[in-house]
Amino acid sequence: MTPTMAVAVAQSKAHKILLPISKCNVSVVGRQDLNLTEMIDLALSEIATFLDNQRQG
């Protein structure tokens, strides 16, 4: 991710769901030790919850 991309994501008003992947000399502290498939499953669950809340509220 480039700095320009990071700024664009951070400034977006959209709801963001990020996958904490430790790569390229970046360590994400406090993340669960999950594989990519498990993280995607959790992200999909979070998206479903977000969409349900949007429909209700």
PDB file of N, CA and C in Angstrom:
ATOM      1  N   MET A   1       0.845  -1.166   0.000  1.00  0.00           N
ATOM      2  CA  MET A   1       0.000   0.000   0.000  1.00  0.00           C
ATOM      3  C   MET A   1       0.894   1.232   0.000  1.00  0.00           C
ATOM      4  N   THR A   2       0.589   2.132  -0.864  1.00  0.00           N
ATOM      5  CA  THR A   2       1.365   3.368  -0.943  1.00  0.00           C
ATOM      6  C   THR A   2       0.838   4.383   0.072  1.00  0.00           C
ATOM      7  N   PRO A   3       1.642   5.385   0.394  1.00  0.00           N
ATOM      8  CA  PRO A   3       1.151   6.424   1.297  1.00  0.00           C
ATOM      9  C   PRO A   3      -0.117   7.107   0.771  1.00  0.00           C
ATOM     10  N   THR A   4      -0.196   7.321  -0.529  1.00  0.00           N
ATOM     11  CA  THR A   4      -1.377   7.948  -1.115  1.00  0.00           C
ATOM     12  C   THR A   4      -2.608   7.064  -0.925  1.00  0.00           C
ATOM     13  N   MET A   5      -2.436   5.769  -1.093  1.00  0.00           N
ATOM     14  CA  MET A   5      -3.544   4.840  -0.892  1.00  0.00           C
ATOM     15  C   MET A   5      -3.980   4.847   0.572  1.00  0.00           C
ATOM     16  N   ALA A   6      -3.024   4.858   1.483  1.00  0.00           N
ATOM     17  CA  ALA A   6      -3.337   4.861   2.916  1.00  0.00           C
ATOM     18  C   ALA A   6      -4.126   6.106   3.295  1.00  0.00           C
ATOM     19  N   VAL A   7      -3.739   7.244   2.768  1.00  0.00           N
ATOM     20  CA  VAL A   7      -4.457   8.490   3.051  1.00  0.00           C
ATOM     21  C   VAL A   7      -5.878   8.413   2.489  1.00  0.00           C
ATOM     22  N   ALA A   8      -6.022   7.908   1.277  1.00  0.00           N
ATOM     23  CA  ALA A   8      -7.350   7.801   0.668  1.00  0.00           C
ATOM     24  C   ALA A   8      -8.269   6.905   1.495  1.00  0.00           C
ATOM     25  N   VAL A   9      -7.752   5.788   1.969  1.00  0.00           N
ATOM     26  CA  VAL A   9      -8.553   4.876   2.795  1.00  0.00           C
ATOM     27  C   VAL A   9      -8.898   5.547   4.121  1.00  0.00           C
ATOM     28  N   ALA A  10      -7.915   6.152   4.750  1.00  0.00           N
ATOM     29  CA  ALA A  10      -8.139   6.776   6.058  1.00  0.00           C
ATOM     30  C   ALA A  10      -9.142   7.930   5.975  1.00  0.00           C
ATOM     31  N   GLN A  11      -9.122   8.680   4.893  1.00  0.00           N
ATOM     32  CA  GLN A  11     -10.011   9.833   4.764  1.00  0.00           C
ATOM     33  C   GLN A  11     -11.406   9.462   4.271  1.00  0.00           C
ATOM     34  N   SER A  12     -11.575   8.267   3.772  1.00  0.00           N
ATOM     35  CA  SER A  12     -12.886   7.841   3.284  1.00  0.00           C
ATOM     36  C   SER A  12     -13.875   7.755   4.438  1.00  0.00           C
ATOM     37  N   LYS A  13     -15.103   8.166   4.182  1.00  0.00           N
ATOM     38  CA  LYS A  13     -16.153   8.085   5.196  1.00  0.00           C
ATOM     39  C   LYS A  13     -16.780   6.695   5.236  1.00  0.00           C
ATOM     40  N   ALA A  14     -16.388   5.833   4.319  1.00  0.00           N
ATOM     41  CA  ALA A  14     -16.937   4.479   4.255  1.00  0.00           C
ATOM     42  C   ALA A  14     -16.537   3.669   5.485  1.00  0.00           C
ATOM     43  N   HIS A  15     -17.373   2.692   5.835  1.00  0.00           N
ATOM     44  CA  HIS A  15     -17.038   1.751   6.901  1.00  0.00           C
ATOM     45  C   HIS A  15     -15.877   0.894   6.398  1.00  0.00           C
ATOM     46  N   LYS A  16     -14.861   0.726   7.197  1.00  0.00           N
ATOM     47  CA  LYS A  16     -13.664  -0.005   6.775  1.00  0.00           C
ATOM     48  C   LYS A  16     -13.510  -1.289   7.570  1.00  0.00           C
ATOM     49  N   ILE A  17     -13.162  -2.355   6.879  1.00  0.00           N
ATOM     50  CA  ILE A  17     -12.847  -3.627   7.524  1.00  0.00           C
ATOM     51  C   ILE A  17     -11.457  -4.014   7.029  1.00  0.00           C
ATOM     52  N   LEU A  18     -10.507  -4.045   7.955  1.00  0.00           N
ATOM     53  CA  LEU A  18      -9.116  -4.296   7.598  1.00  0.00           C
ATOM     54  C   LEU A  18      -8.678  -5.673   8.076  1.00  0.00           C
ATOM     55  N   LEU A  19      -7.867  -6.333   7.279  1.00  0.00           N
ATOM     56  CA  LEU A  19      -7.286  -7.617   7.665  1.00  0.00           C
ATOM     57  C   LEU A  19      -5.873  -7.356   8.177  1.00  0.00           C
ATOM     58  N   PRO A  20      -5.602  -7.666   9.446  1.00  0.00           N
ATOM     59  CA  PRO A  20      -4.297  -7.378  10.039  1.00  0.00           C
ATOM     60  C   PRO A  20      -3.249  -8.418   9.645  1.00  0.00           C
ATOM     61  N   ILE A  21      -2.637  -8.229   8.506  1.00  0.00           N
ATOM     62  CA  ILE A  21      -1.638  -9.180   8.009  1.00  0.00           C
ATOM     63  C   ILE A  21      -0.250  -8.613   8.288  1.00  0.00           C
ATOM     64  N   SER A  22       0.557  -9.370   9.002  1.00  0.00           N
ATOM     65  CA  SER A  22       1.920  -8.939   9.317  1.00  0.00           C
ATOM     66  C   SER A  22       2.850  -9.389   8.195  1.00  0.00           C
ATOM     67  N   LYS A  23       3.238  -8.449   7.370  1.00  0.00           N
ATOM     68  CA  LYS A  23       4.165  -8.710   6.266  1.00  0.00           C
ATOM     69  C   LYS A  23       5.014  -7.475   6.025  1.00  0.00           C
ATOM     70  N   CYS A  24       6.034  -7.616   5.237  1.00  0.00           N
ATOM     71  CA  CYS A  24       6.863  -6.481   4.793  1.00  0.00           C
ATOM     72  C   CYS A  24       7.394  -5.673   5.970  1.00  0.00           C
ATOM     73  N   ASN A  25       7.921  -6.355   6.960  1.00  0.00           N
ATOM     74  CA  ASN A  25       8.518  -5.691   8.124  1.00  0.00           C
ATOM     75  C   ASN A  25       7.520  -4.868   8.929  1.00  0.00           C
ATOM     76  N   VAL A  26       6.253  -5.285   8.922  1.00  0.00           N
ATOM     77  CA  VAL A  26       5.223  -4.627   9.719  1.00  0.00           C
ATOM     78  C   VAL A  26       4.634  -5.669  10.660  1.00  0.00           C
ATOM     79  N   SER A  27       4.632  -5.361  11.952  1.00  0.00           N
ATOM     80  CA  SER A  27       4.025  -6.239  12.939  1.00  0.00           C
ATOM     81  C   SER A  27       2.772  -5.579  13.472  1.00  0.00           C
ATOM     82  N   VAL A  28       1.670  -6.311  13.468  1.00  0.00           N
ATOM     83  CA  VAL A  28       0.418  -5.802  13.993  1.00  0.00           C
ATOM     84  C   VAL A  28       0.247  -6.393  15.389  1.00  0.00           C
ATOM     85  N   VAL A  29       0.365  -5.562  16.402  1.00  0.00           N
ATOM     86  CA  VAL A  29       0.327  -6.009  17.786  1.00  0.00           C
ATOM     87  C   VAL A  29      -1.120  -6.258  18.209  1.00  0.00           C
ATOM     88  N   GLY A  30      -1.327  -7.353  18.933  1.00  0.00           N
ATOM     89  CA  GLY A  30      -2.635  -7.638  19.491  1.00  0.00           C
ATOM     90  C   GLY A  30      -3.561  -8.410  18.578  1.00  0.00           C
ATOM     91  N   ARG A  31      -3.099  -8.764  17.404  1.00  0.00           N
ATOM     92  CA  ARG A  31      -3.976  -9.508  16.497  1.00  0.00           C
ATOM     93  C   ARG A  31      -3.985 -10.978  16.872  1.00  0.00           C
ATOM     94  N   GLN A  32      -5.076 -11.640  16.530  1.00  0.00           N
ATOM     95  CA  GLN A  32      -5.163 -13.072  16.765  1.00  0.00           C
ATOM     96  C   GLN A  32      -4.276 -13.793  15.752  1.00  0.00           C
ATOM     97  N   ASP A  33      -3.815 -14.962  16.104  1.00  0.00           N
ATOM     98  CA  ASP A  33      -2.975 -15.736  15.205  1.00  0.00           C
ATOM     99  C   ASP A  33      -3.873 -16.599  14.313  1.00  0.00           C
ATOM    100  N   LEU A  34      -4.448 -15.978  13.274  1.00  0.00           N
ATOM    101  CA  LEU A  34      -5.359 -16.664  12.370  1.00  0.00           C
ATOM    102  C   LEU A  34      -4.740 -16.729  10.983  1.00  0.00           C
ATOM    103  N   ASN A  35      -5.137 -17.765  10.227  1.00  0.00           N
ATOM    104  CA  ASN A  35      -4.664 -17.808   8.854  1.00  0.00           C
ATOM    105  C   ASN A  35      -5.565 -16.918   7.996  1.00  0.00           C
ATOM    106  N   LEU A  36      -5.188 -16.716   6.750  1.00  0.00           N
ATOM    107  CA  LEU A  36      -5.918 -15.789   5.883  1.00  0.00           C
ATOM    108  C   LEU A  36      -7.374 -16.216   5.686  1.00  0.00           C
ATOM    109  N   THR A  37      -7.627 -17.499   5.538  1.00  0.00           N
ATOM    110  CA  THR A  37      -9.001 -17.988   5.357  1.00  0.00           C
ATOM    111  C   THR A  37      -9.859 -17.642   6.562  1.00  0.00           C
ATOM    112  N   GLU A  38      -9.316 -17.823   7.760  1.00  0.00           N
ATOM    113  CA  GLU A  38     -10.058 -17.498   8.983  1.00  0.00           C
ATOM    114  C   GLU A  38     -10.320 -15.991   9.078  1.00  0.00           C
ATOM    115  N   MET A  39      -9.340 -15.182   8.688  1.00  0.00           N
ATOM    116  CA  MET A  39      -9.531 -13.733   8.717  1.00  0.00           C
ATOM    117  C   MET A  39     -10.600 -13.307   7.716  1.00  0.00           C
ATOM    118  N   ILE A  40     -10.617 -13.918   6.536  1.00  0.00           N
ATOM    119  CA  ILE A  40     -11.629 -13.595   5.533  1.00  0.00           C
ATOM    120  C   ILE A  40     -13.010 -13.986   6.045  1.00  0.00           C
ATOM    121  N   ASP A  41     -13.119 -15.150   6.666  1.00  0.00           N
ATOM    122  CA  ASP A  41     -14.403 -15.566   7.251  1.00  0.00           C
ATOM    123  C   ASP A  41     -14.891 -14.555   8.283  1.00  0.00           C
ATOM    124  N   LEU A  42     -13.993 -14.081   9.140  1.00  0.00           N
ATOM    125  CA  LEU A  42     -14.366 -13.072  10.140  1.00  0.00           C
ATOM    126  C   LEU A  42     -14.757 -11.754   9.482  1.00  0.00           C
ATOM    127  N   ALA A  43     -14.038 -11.384   8.424  1.00  0.00           N
ATOM    128  CA  ALA A  43     -14.373 -10.153   7.710  1.00  0.00           C
ATOM    129  C   ALA A  43     -15.755 -10.255   7.082  1.00  0.00           C
ATOM    130  N   LEU A  44     -16.068 -11.394   6.486  1.00  0.00           N
ATOM    131  CA  LEU A  44     -17.392 -11.585   5.892  1.00  0.00           C
ATOM    132  C   LEU A  44     -18.492 -11.519   6.946  1.00  0.00           C
ATOM    133  N   SER A  45     -18.218 -12.085   8.102  1.00  0.00           N
ATOM    134  CA  SER A  45     -19.173 -12.012   9.206  1.00  0.00           C
ATOM    135  C   SER A  45     -19.382 -10.569   9.649  1.00  0.00           C
ATOM    136  N   GLU A  46     -18.308  -9.811   9.729  1.00  0.00           N
ATOM    137  CA  GLU A  46     -18.388  -8.395  10.110  1.00  0.00           C
ATOM    138  C   GLU A  46     -19.173  -7.602   9.067  1.00  0.00           C
ATOM    139  N   ILE A  47     -18.961  -7.903   7.799  1.00  0.00           N
ATOM    140  CA  ILE A  47     -19.698  -7.231   6.727  1.00  0.00           C
ATOM    141  C   ILE A  47     -21.187  -7.534   6.845  1.00  0.00           C
ATOM    142  N   ALA A  48     -21.530  -8.790   7.093  1.00  0.00           N
ATOM    143  CA  ALA A  48     -22.936  -9.176   7.245  1.00  0.00           C
ATOM    144  C   ALA A  48     -23.573  -8.435   8.418  1.00  0.00           C
ATOM    145  N   THR A  49     -22.867  -8.344   9.532  1.00  0.00           N
ATOM    146  CA  THR A  49     -23.379  -7.630  10.703  1.00  0.00           C
ATOM    147  C   THR A  49     -23.564  -6.144  10.378  1.00  0.00           C
ATOM    148  N   PHE A  50     -22.593  -5.561   9.711  1.00  0.00           N
ATOM    149  CA  PHE A  50     -22.675  -4.155   9.324  1.00  0.00           C
ATOM    150  C   PHE A  50     -23.892  -3.915   8.438  1.00  0.00           C
ATOM    151  N   LEU A  51     -24.085  -4.764   7.433  1.00  0.00           N
ATOM    152  CA  LEU A  51     -25.215  -4.599   6.512  1.00  0.00           C
ATOM    153  C   LEU A  51     -26.542  -4.775   7.238  1.00  0.00           C
ATOM    154  N   ASP A  52     -26.612  -5.742   8.153  1.00  0.00           N
ATOM    155  CA  ASP A  52     -27.847  -5.933   8.939  1.00  0.00           C
ATOM    156  C   ASP A  52     -28.157  -4.678   9.755  1.00  0.00           C
ATOM    157  N   ASN A  53     -27.146  -4.109  10.376  1.00  0.00           N
ATOM    158  CA  ASN A  53     -27.332  -2.885  11.173  1.00  0.00           C
ATOM    159  C   ASN A  53     -27.765  -1.714  10.300  1.00  0.00           C
ATOM    160  N   GLN A  54     -27.244  -1.629   9.079  1.00  0.00           N
ATOM    161  CA  GLN A  54     -27.629  -0.562   8.166  1.00  0.00           C
ATOM    162  C   GLN A  54     -29.100  -0.688   7.763  1.00  0.00           C
ATOM    163  N   ARG A  55     -29.541  -1.908   7.551  1.00  0.00           N
ATOM    164  CA  ARG A  55     -30.928  -2.156   7.157  1.00  0.00           C
ATOM    165  C   ARG A  55     -31.901  -1.816   8.295  1.00  0.00           C
ATOM    166  N   GLN A  56     -31.465  -2.084   9.543  1.00  0.00           N
ATOM    167  CA  GLN A  56     -32.326  -1.871  10.706  1.00  0.00           C
ATOM    168  C   GLN A  56     -32.363  -0.409  11.144  1.00  0.00           C
ATOM    169  N   GLY A  57     -31.290   0.297  10.881  1.00  0.00           N
ATOM    170  CA  GLY A  57     -31.211   1.616  11.477  1.00  0.00           C
ATOM    171  C   GLY A  57     -31.260   2.730  10.551  1.00  0.00           C
TER     172      GLY A  57
END
